[in-house]
Amino acid sequence: MPSDETERDIVRDASLAFTVWPSYSEGDMPRWKRAAIWTGLACAAGLLLSGCFVRSLHPFLAISDAVFDPALVGTWQSQDENGKGKASITFTRAGETGYELEYRDPEVAKVSRYKVNLGVIGKNRCLDIAPLPEKDLDDHYVAAHSLWRLALKGDTLTLEQLDYDWLKALLTAQPGELDHEVVEGDIVLTASTEDLQRFILRHADDPKAFSARTPWKKK
């Protein structure tokens, strides 16, 4: 039986994965046989914003919710307070209504790729983002979804992530507000897509529900 340390090596990139410890009754699958949920955006480094982000087992947008906006296609450069940035994101069309997103940061050797759907929840234009499969991932990996609210005006794209600290505080105070699990201290949403959307509709006007805007300029 592998040691805990060996098993933790399965999750090779801590910024792209976290571990789920399923409960088994006596005589069932060994405790070390755990499933890893690899996430779309790095919690430690942050793909679009710094800080941890909200992970969901189910998408925030159903396939039937997805719409295509050609204005999103292209490469966007991150902007700091001086109007400069190093990271870039590139959207390309994938199918009739979907996108693929490629994230590049010259300070990080790895190029990250994601599948993206654009849709509307209430008054909010949103992106549902999940990682594309990688060859070295085994059958224990399941893609997790994250939600980003966006505004697109001319050559400026702004993105706001569903705020992790706000959500954690809310679910700690009101655990029945949305189905979730606490995995090694982190919130993992397990609610259905329909329940996720109802939750967003209830709280989207809360000024703390989404993080500060991050601007991107089209190249």
C-alpha atoms as a PDB file:
ATOM      1  CA  MET A   1       0.000   0.000   0.000  1.00  0.00           C
ATOM      2  CA  PRO A   2       1.432   3.385  -0.923  1.00  0.00           C
ATOM      3  CA  SER A   3       2.297   5.748   1.875  1.00  0.00           C
ATOM      4  CA  ASP A   4       0.441   9.017   2.364  1.00  0.00           C
ATOM      5  CA  GLU A   5       3.518  10.848   1.089  1.00  0.00           C
ATOM      6  CA  THR A   6       3.636   8.706  -2.062  1.00  0.00           C
ATOM      7  CA  GLU A   7      -0.057   9.209  -2.673  1.00  0.00           C
ATOM      8  CA  ARG A   8       0.319  12.952  -2.337  1.00  0.00           C
ATOM      9  CA  ASP A   9       2.856  12.810  -5.155  1.00  0.00           C
ATOM     10  CA  ILE A  10      -0.049  11.843  -7.449  1.00  0.00           C
ATOM     11  CA  VAL A  11      -1.052  15.483  -7.237  1.00  0.00           C
ATOM     12  CA  ARG A  12       2.113  16.749  -8.804  1.00  0.00           C
ATOM     13  CA  ASP A  13       1.164  20.390  -9.243  1.00  0.00           C
ATOM     14  CA  ALA A  14      -0.422  21.833  -6.128  1.00  0.00           C
ATOM     15  CA  SER A  15      -1.635  24.834  -8.107  1.00  0.00           C
ATOM     16  CA  LEU A  16      -3.680  22.599 -10.427  1.00  0.00           C
ATOM     17  CA  ALA A  17      -5.076  19.965  -8.095  1.00  0.00           C
ATOM     18  CA  PHE A  18      -6.376  19.185  -4.677  1.00  0.00           C
ATOM     19  CA  THR A  19      -7.257  15.919  -3.015  1.00  0.00           C
ATOM     20  CA  VAL A  20     -10.623  14.458  -2.107  1.00  0.00           C
ATOM     21  CA  TRP A  21     -10.706  11.812   0.603  1.00  0.00           C
ATOM     22  CA  PRO A  22     -13.758   9.579   0.059  1.00  0.00           C
ATOM     23  CA  SER A  23     -15.239   7.752   3.065  1.00  0.00           C
ATOM     24  CA  TYR A  24     -15.315   3.971   2.855  1.00  0.00           C
ATOM     25  CA  SER A  25     -16.854   1.478   5.221  1.00  0.00           C
ATOM     26  CA  GLU A  26     -14.762  -1.330   6.651  1.00  0.00           C
ATOM     27  CA  GLY A  27     -13.749  -3.799   3.940  1.00  0.00           C
ATOM     28  CA  ASP A  28     -14.369  -1.376   1.092  1.00  0.00           C
ATOM     29  CA  MET A  29     -11.740   0.349  -1.037  1.00  0.00           C
ATOM     30  CA  PRO A  30      -8.544   1.210   0.909  1.00  0.00           C
ATOM     31  CA  ARG A  31      -8.351   4.663   2.465  1.00  0.00           C
ATOM     32  CA  TRP A  32      -5.391   5.689   0.312  1.00  0.00           C
ATOM     33  CA  LYS A  33      -7.364   5.145  -2.897  1.00  0.00           C
ATOM     34  CA  ARG A  34      -8.484   8.729  -3.202  1.00  0.00           C
ATOM     35  CA  ALA A  35      -9.874  10.766  -6.060  1.00  0.00           C
ATOM     36  CA  ALA A  36      -8.144  13.980  -7.098  1.00  0.00           C
ATOM     37  CA  ILE A  37     -10.141  16.859  -8.552  1.00  0.00           C
ATOM     38  CA  TRP A  38      -7.883  18.984 -10.687  1.00  0.00           C
ATOM     39  CA  THR A  39      -8.976  22.546 -10.951  1.00  0.00           C
ATOM     40  CA  GLY A  40      -9.144  24.893 -13.889  1.00  0.00           C
ATOM     41  CA  LEU A  41      -7.365  27.869 -12.399  1.00  0.00           C
ATOM     42  CA  ALA A  42      -4.397  27.771 -10.071  1.00  0.00           C
ATOM     43  CA  CYS A  43      -5.401  28.524  -6.473  1.00  0.00           C
ATOM     44  CA  ALA A  44      -1.879  29.332  -5.390  1.00  0.00           C
ATOM     45  CA  ALA A  45      -0.810  31.397  -8.383  1.00  0.00           C
ATOM     46  CA  GLY A  46      -4.208  32.409  -9.735  1.00  0.00           C
ATOM     47  CA  LEU A  47      -4.912  32.345 -13.466  1.00  0.00           C
ATOM     48  CA  LEU A  48      -6.880  35.553 -13.768  1.00  0.00           C
ATOM     49  CA  LEU A  49      -6.774  36.877 -10.224  1.00  0.00           C
ATOM     50  CA  SER A  50      -4.718  36.177  -7.166  1.00  0.00           C
ATOM     51  CA  GLY A  51      -6.110  34.156  -4.274  1.00  0.00           C
ATOM     52  CA  CYS A  52      -8.147  30.972  -4.085  1.00  0.00           C
ATOM     53  CA  PHE A  53     -11.178  30.509  -6.284  1.00  0.00           C
ATOM     54  CA  VAL A  54     -14.468  28.663  -5.916  1.00  0.00           C
ATOM     55  CA  ARG A  55     -14.471  25.082  -7.235  1.00  0.00           C
ATOM     56  CA  SER A  56     -17.603  23.219  -8.285  1.00  0.00           C
ATOM     57  CA  LEU A  57     -18.078  19.600  -9.353  1.00  0.00           C
ATOM     58  CA  HIS A  58     -20.929  20.670 -11.633  1.00  0.00           C
ATOM     59  CA  PRO A  59     -20.854  23.432 -14.253  1.00  0.00           C
ATOM     60  CA  PHE A  60     -22.364  26.813 -13.452  1.00  0.00           C
ATOM     61  CA  LEU A  61     -23.771  26.916 -17.008  1.00  0.00           C
ATOM     62  CA  ALA A  62     -25.576  24.114 -18.809  1.00  0.00           C
ATOM     63  CA  ILE A  63     -24.703  23.415 -22.447  1.00  0.00           C
ATOM     64  CA  SER A  64     -28.146  24.757 -23.366  1.00  0.00           C
ATOM     65  CA  ASP A  65     -27.234  28.068 -21.650  1.00  0.00           C
ATOM     66  CA  ALA A  66     -24.107  28.580 -23.752  1.00  0.00           C
ATOM     67  CA  VAL A  67     -23.956  31.379 -26.305  1.00  0.00           C
ATOM     68  CA  PHE A  68     -21.187  32.491 -28.636  1.00  0.00           C
ATOM     69  CA  ASP A  69     -19.910  36.063 -28.823  1.00  0.00           C
ATOM     70  CA  PRO A  70     -17.265  36.545 -31.546  1.00  0.00           C
ATOM     71  CA  ALA A  71     -15.972  39.662 -29.758  1.00  0.00           C
ATOM     72  CA  LEU A  72     -14.409  37.416 -27.112  1.00  0.00           C
ATOM     73  CA  VAL A  73     -12.218  35.575 -29.641  1.00  0.00           C
ATOM     74  CA  GLY A  74      -8.592  36.698 -29.702  1.00  0.00           C
ATOM     75  CA  THR A  75      -5.706  37.382 -27.342  1.00  0.00           C
ATOM     76  CA  TRP A  76      -6.042  39.624 -24.308  1.00  0.00           C
ATOM     77  CA  GLN A  77      -3.155  41.084 -22.292  1.00  0.00           C
ATOM     78  CA  SER A  78      -3.378  41.550 -18.524  1.00  0.00           C
ATOM     79  CA  GLN A  79      -3.228  45.131 -17.230  1.00  0.00           C
ATOM     80  CA  ASP A  80      -1.640  46.276 -13.963  1.00  0.00           C
ATOM     81  CA  GLU A  81      -2.031  49.686 -12.327  1.00  0.00           C
ATOM     82  CA  ASN A  82       0.440  51.091 -14.886  1.00  0.00           C
ATOM     83  CA  GLY A  83      -1.491  49.703 -17.837  1.00  0.00           C
ATOM     84  CA  LYS A  84       1.046  46.959 -18.416  1.00  0.00           C
ATOM     85  CA  GLY A  85       0.947  43.214 -17.916  1.00  0.00           C
ATOM     86  CA  LYS A  86       2.823  40.043 -18.786  1.00  0.00           C
ATOM     87  CA  ALA A  87       0.146  37.335 -18.792  1.00  0.00           C
ATOM     88  CA  SER A  88      -2.184  36.733 -21.715  1.00  0.00           C
ATOM     89  CA  ILE A  89      -5.319  34.738 -22.390  1.00  0.00           C
ATOM     90  CA  THR A  90      -6.406  33.589 -25.842  1.00  0.00           C
ATOM     91  CA  PHE A  91      -9.965  32.538 -26.686  1.00  0.00           C
ATOM     92  CA  THR A  92     -10.630  30.397 -29.775  1.00  0.00           C
ATOM     93  CA  ARG A  93     -13.944  29.018 -30.925  1.00  0.00           C
ATOM     94  CA  ALA A  94     -14.719  25.395 -30.028  1.00  0.00           C
ATOM     95  CA  GLY A  95     -17.875  24.009 -31.614  1.00  0.00           C
ATOM     96  CA  GLU A  96     -20.973  26.125 -32.143  1.00  0.00           C
ATOM     97  CA  THR A  97     -21.147  27.880 -28.787  1.00  0.00           C
ATOM     98  CA  GLY A  98     -17.990  26.993 -26.841  1.00  0.00           C
ATOM     99  CA  TYR A  99     -14.464  28.327 -26.496  1.00  0.00           C
ATOM    100  CA  GLU A 100     -11.047  27.029 -25.657  1.00  0.00           C
ATOM    101  CA  LEU A 101      -8.890  29.286 -23.524  1.00  0.00           C
ATOM    102  CA  GLU A 102      -5.097  29.260 -23.420  1.00  0.00           C
ATOM    103  CA  TYR A 103      -3.317  31.025 -20.577  1.00  0.00           C
ATOM    104  CA  ARG A 104       0.326  32.087 -20.889  1.00  0.00           C
ATOM    105  CA  ASP A 105       2.545  33.722 -18.325  1.00  0.00           C
ATOM    106  CA  PRO A 106       6.225  34.268 -19.188  1.00  0.00           C
ATOM    107  CA  GLU A 107       7.108  33.686 -15.542  1.00  0.00           C
ATOM    108  CA  VAL A 108       5.544  30.198 -15.658  1.00  0.00           C
ATOM    109  CA  ALA A 109       6.812  27.634 -18.148  1.00  0.00           C
ATOM    110  CA  LYS A 110       3.534  25.720 -18.331  1.00  0.00           C
ATOM    111  CA  VAL A 111       0.824  26.768 -20.808  1.00  0.00           C
ATOM    112  CA  SER A 112      -2.620  26.068 -19.346  1.00  0.00           C
ATOM    113  CA  ARG A 113      -5.655  25.222 -21.480  1.00  0.00           C
ATOM    114  CA  TYR A 114      -9.334  25.295 -20.532  1.00  0.00           C
ATOM    115  CA  LYS A 115     -12.782  24.717 -21.963  1.00  0.00           C
ATOM    116  CA  VAL A 116     -15.082  27.709 -21.570  1.00  0.00           C
ATOM    117  CA  ASN A 117     -18.787  28.401 -21.930  1.00  0.00           C
ATOM    118  CA  LEU A 118     -20.289  31.883 -22.024  1.00  0.00           C
ATOM    119  CA  GLY A 119     -23.821  32.450 -20.755  1.00  0.00           C
ATOM    120  CA  VAL A 120     -26.131  34.680 -18.746  1.00  0.00           C
ATOM    121  CA  ILE A 121     -27.349  34.160 -15.182  1.00  0.00           C
ATOM    122  CA  GLY A 122     -29.960  36.804 -14.454  1.00  0.00           C
ATOM    123  CA  LYS A 123     -28.340  40.112 -15.427  1.00  0.00           C
ATOM    124  CA  ASN A 124     -24.819  38.675 -15.288  1.00  0.00           C
ATOM    125  CA  ARG A 125     -22.740  37.591 -18.268  1.00  0.00           C
ATOM    126  CA  CYS A 126     -20.606  34.737 -16.992  1.00  0.00           C
ATOM    127  CA  LEU A 127     -17.889  32.320 -18.010  1.00  0.00           C
ATOM    128  CA  ASP A 128     -17.834  28.735 -16.795  1.00  0.00           C
ATOM    129  CA  ILE A 129     -14.222  27.547 -16.955  1.00  0.00           C
ATOM    130  CA  ALA A 130     -12.856  24.024 -16.544  1.00  0.00           C
ATOM    131  CA  PRO A 131      -9.470  22.510 -17.457  1.00  0.00           C
ATOM    132  CA  LEU A 132      -8.946  20.459 -20.579  1.00  0.00           C
ATOM    133  CA  PRO A 133      -7.639  16.916 -19.985  1.00  0.00           C
ATOM    134  CA  GLU A 134      -3.903  16.335 -19.816  1.00  0.00           C
ATOM    135  CA  LYS A 135      -2.195  13.166 -20.961  1.00  0.00           C
ATOM    136  CA  ASP A 136      -0.509  12.425 -17.642  1.00  0.00           C
ATOM    137  CA  LEU A 137      -3.740  12.530 -15.615  1.00  0.00           C
ATOM    138  CA  ASP A 138      -5.158   9.188 -14.556  1.00  0.00           C
ATOM    139  CA  ASP A 139      -8.760   8.045 -14.146  1.00  0.00           C
ATOM    140  CA  HIS A 140      -9.004   9.513 -10.626  1.00  0.00           C
ATOM    141  CA  TYR A 141      -9.098  13.068 -11.955  1.00  0.00           C
ATOM    142  CA  VAL A 142     -12.313  14.993 -12.520  1.00  0.00           C
ATOM    143  CA  ALA A 143     -12.352  18.542 -13.885  1.00  0.00           C
ATOM    144  CA  ALA A 144     -13.716  21.201 -11.523  1.00  0.00           C
ATOM    145  CA  HIS A 145     -15.548  24.329 -12.660  1.00  0.00           C
ATOM    146  CA  SER A 146     -15.118  27.963 -11.707  1.00  0.00           C
ATOM    147  CA  LEU A 147     -17.341  30.980 -12.384  1.00  0.00           C
ATOM    148  CA  TRP A 148     -16.263  34.397 -13.675  1.00  0.00           C
ATOM    149  CA  ARG A 149     -18.501  37.412 -14.323  1.00  0.00           C
ATOM    150  CA  LEU A 150     -17.404  39.452 -17.317  1.00  0.00           C
ATOM    151  CA  ALA A 151     -17.958  42.776 -19.005  1.00  0.00           C
ATOM    152  CA  LEU A 152     -16.811  43.346 -22.576  1.00  0.00           C
ATOM    153  CA  LYS A 153     -16.553  46.843 -24.008  1.00  0.00           C
ATOM    154  CA  GLY A 154     -14.523  47.529 -27.118  1.00  0.00           C
ATOM    155  CA  ASP A 155     -10.959  46.322 -26.579  1.00  0.00           C
ATOM    156  CA  THR A 156     -11.343  45.973 -22.796  1.00  0.00           C
ATOM    157  CA  LEU A 157     -12.401  42.772 -21.051  1.00  0.00           C
ATOM    158  CA  THR A 158     -12.984  42.785 -17.290  1.00  0.00           C
ATOM    159  CA  LEU A 159     -13.353  39.638 -15.220  1.00  0.00           C
ATOM    160  CA  GLU A 160     -14.534  39.064 -11.667  1.00  0.00           C
ATOM    161  CA  GLN A 161     -14.326  35.695  -9.968  1.00  0.00           C
ATOM    162  CA  LEU A 162     -16.917  34.414  -7.527  1.00  0.00           C
ATOM    163  CA  ASP A 163     -15.223  35.380  -4.273  1.00  0.00           C
ATOM    164  CA  TYR A 164     -13.941  32.423  -2.274  1.00  0.00           C
ATOM    165  CA  ASP A 165     -13.613  34.165   1.099  1.00  0.00           C
ATOM    166  CA  TRP A 166     -17.129  35.591   0.839  1.00  0.00           C
ATOM    167  CA  LEU A 167     -18.559  32.193  -0.081  1.00  0.00           C
ATOM    168  CA  LYS A 168     -16.697  30.365   2.677  1.00  0.00           C
ATOM    169  CA  ALA A 169     -17.926  32.839   5.303  1.00  0.00           C
ATOM    170  CA  LEU A 170     -21.506  32.557   4.041  1.00  0.00           C
ATOM    171  CA  LEU A 171     -21.526  28.746   3.986  1.00  0.00           C
ATOM    172  CA  THR A 172     -19.864  28.565   7.394  1.00  0.00           C
ATOM    173  CA  ALA A 173     -22.685  30.692   8.812  1.00  0.00           C
ATOM    174  CA  GLN A 174     -25.430  29.092   6.667  1.00  0.00           C
ATOM    175  CA  PRO A 175     -24.274  25.602   5.620  1.00  0.00           C
ATOM    176  CA  GLY A 176     -27.665  24.743   4.129  1.00  0.00           C
ATOM    177  CA  GLU A 177     -27.578  27.636   1.653  1.00  0.00           C
ATOM    178  CA  LEU A 178     -25.813  25.552  -1.009  1.00  0.00           C
ATOM    179  CA  ASP A 179     -24.721  21.906  -1.184  1.00  0.00           C
ATOM    180  CA  HIS A 180     -20.992  21.579  -0.614  1.00  0.00           C
ATOM    181  CA  GLU A 181     -18.255  19.598   1.104  1.00  0.00           C
ATOM    182  CA  VAL A 182     -15.293  20.832   3.110  1.00  0.00           C
ATOM    183  CA  VAL A 183     -12.194  19.060   1.809  1.00  0.00           C
ATOM    184  CA  GLU A 184      -9.058  19.572   3.889  1.00  0.00           C
ATOM    185  CA  GLY A 185     -10.424  22.957   4.922  1.00  0.00           C
ATOM    186  CA  ASP A 186     -11.440  24.044   1.396  1.00  0.00           C
ATOM    187  CA  ILE A 187     -14.985  24.527   0.103  1.00  0.00           C
ATOM    188  CA  VAL A 188     -15.967  22.255  -2.814  1.00  0.00           C
ATOM    189  CA  LEU A 189     -19.424  22.883  -4.256  1.00  0.00           C
ATOM    190  CA  THR A 190     -21.500  19.777  -5.011  1.00  0.00           C
ATOM    191  CA  ALA A 191     -24.798  21.485  -5.926  1.00  0.00           C
ATOM    192  CA  SER A 192     -26.479  20.899  -9.300  1.00  0.00           C
ATOM    193  CA  THR A 193     -26.176  23.445 -12.088  1.00  0.00           C
ATOM    194  CA  GLU A 194     -29.756  24.572 -11.431  1.00  0.00           C
ATOM    195  CA  ASP A 195     -29.081  25.129  -7.723  1.00  0.00           C
ATOM    196  CA  LEU A 196     -25.823  26.928  -8.484  1.00  0.00           C
ATOM    197  CA  GLN A 197     -27.652  29.345 -10.757  1.00  0.00           C
ATOM    198  CA  ARG A 198     -30.413  29.951  -8.198  1.00  0.00           C
ATOM    199  CA  PHE A 199     -27.706  30.705  -5.637  1.00  0.00           C
ATOM    200  CA  ILE A 200     -26.027  33.216  -7.974  1.00  0.00           C
ATOM    201  CA  LEU A 201     -29.370  34.914  -8.647  1.00  0.00           C
ATOM    202  CA  ARG A 202     -29.966  35.318  -4.904  1.00  0.00           C
ATOM    203  CA  HIS A 203     -26.556  36.824  -4.195  1.00  0.00           C
ATOM    204  CA  ALA A 204     -25.267  38.481  -7.384  1.00  0.00           C
ATOM    205  CA  ASP A 205     -26.146  41.965  -6.117  1.00  0.00           C
ATOM    206  CA  ASP A 206     -24.083  41.511  -2.953  1.00  0.00           C
ATOM    207  CA  PRO A 207     -21.044  43.775  -3.510  1.00  0.00           C
ATOM    208  CA  LYS A 208     -18.812  41.179  -1.828  1.00  0.00           C
ATOM    209  CA  ALA A 209     -19.980  38.208  -3.896  1.00  0.00           C
ATOM    210  CA  PHE A 210     -17.528  38.851  -6.734  1.00  0.00           C
ATOM    211  CA  SER A 211     -13.918  39.940  -6.445  1.00  0.00           C
ATOM    212  CA  ALA A 212     -12.455  43.205  -7.724  1.00  0.00           C
ATOM    213  CA  ARG A 213     -12.353  43.544 -11.483  1.00  0.00           C
ATOM    214  CA  THR A 214      -9.292  42.499 -13.454  1.00  0.00           C
ATOM    215  CA  PRO A 215      -8.859  44.327 -16.810  1.00  0.00           C
ATOM    216  CA  TRP A 216      -7.479  42.769 -20.000  1.00  0.00           C
ATOM    217  CA  LYS A 217      -6.698  44.636 -23.237  1.00  0.00           C
ATOM    218  CA  LYS A 218      -7.098  43.051 -26.664  1.00  0.00           C
ATOM    219  CA  LYS A 219      -3.835  42.703 -28.571  1.00  0.00           C
END
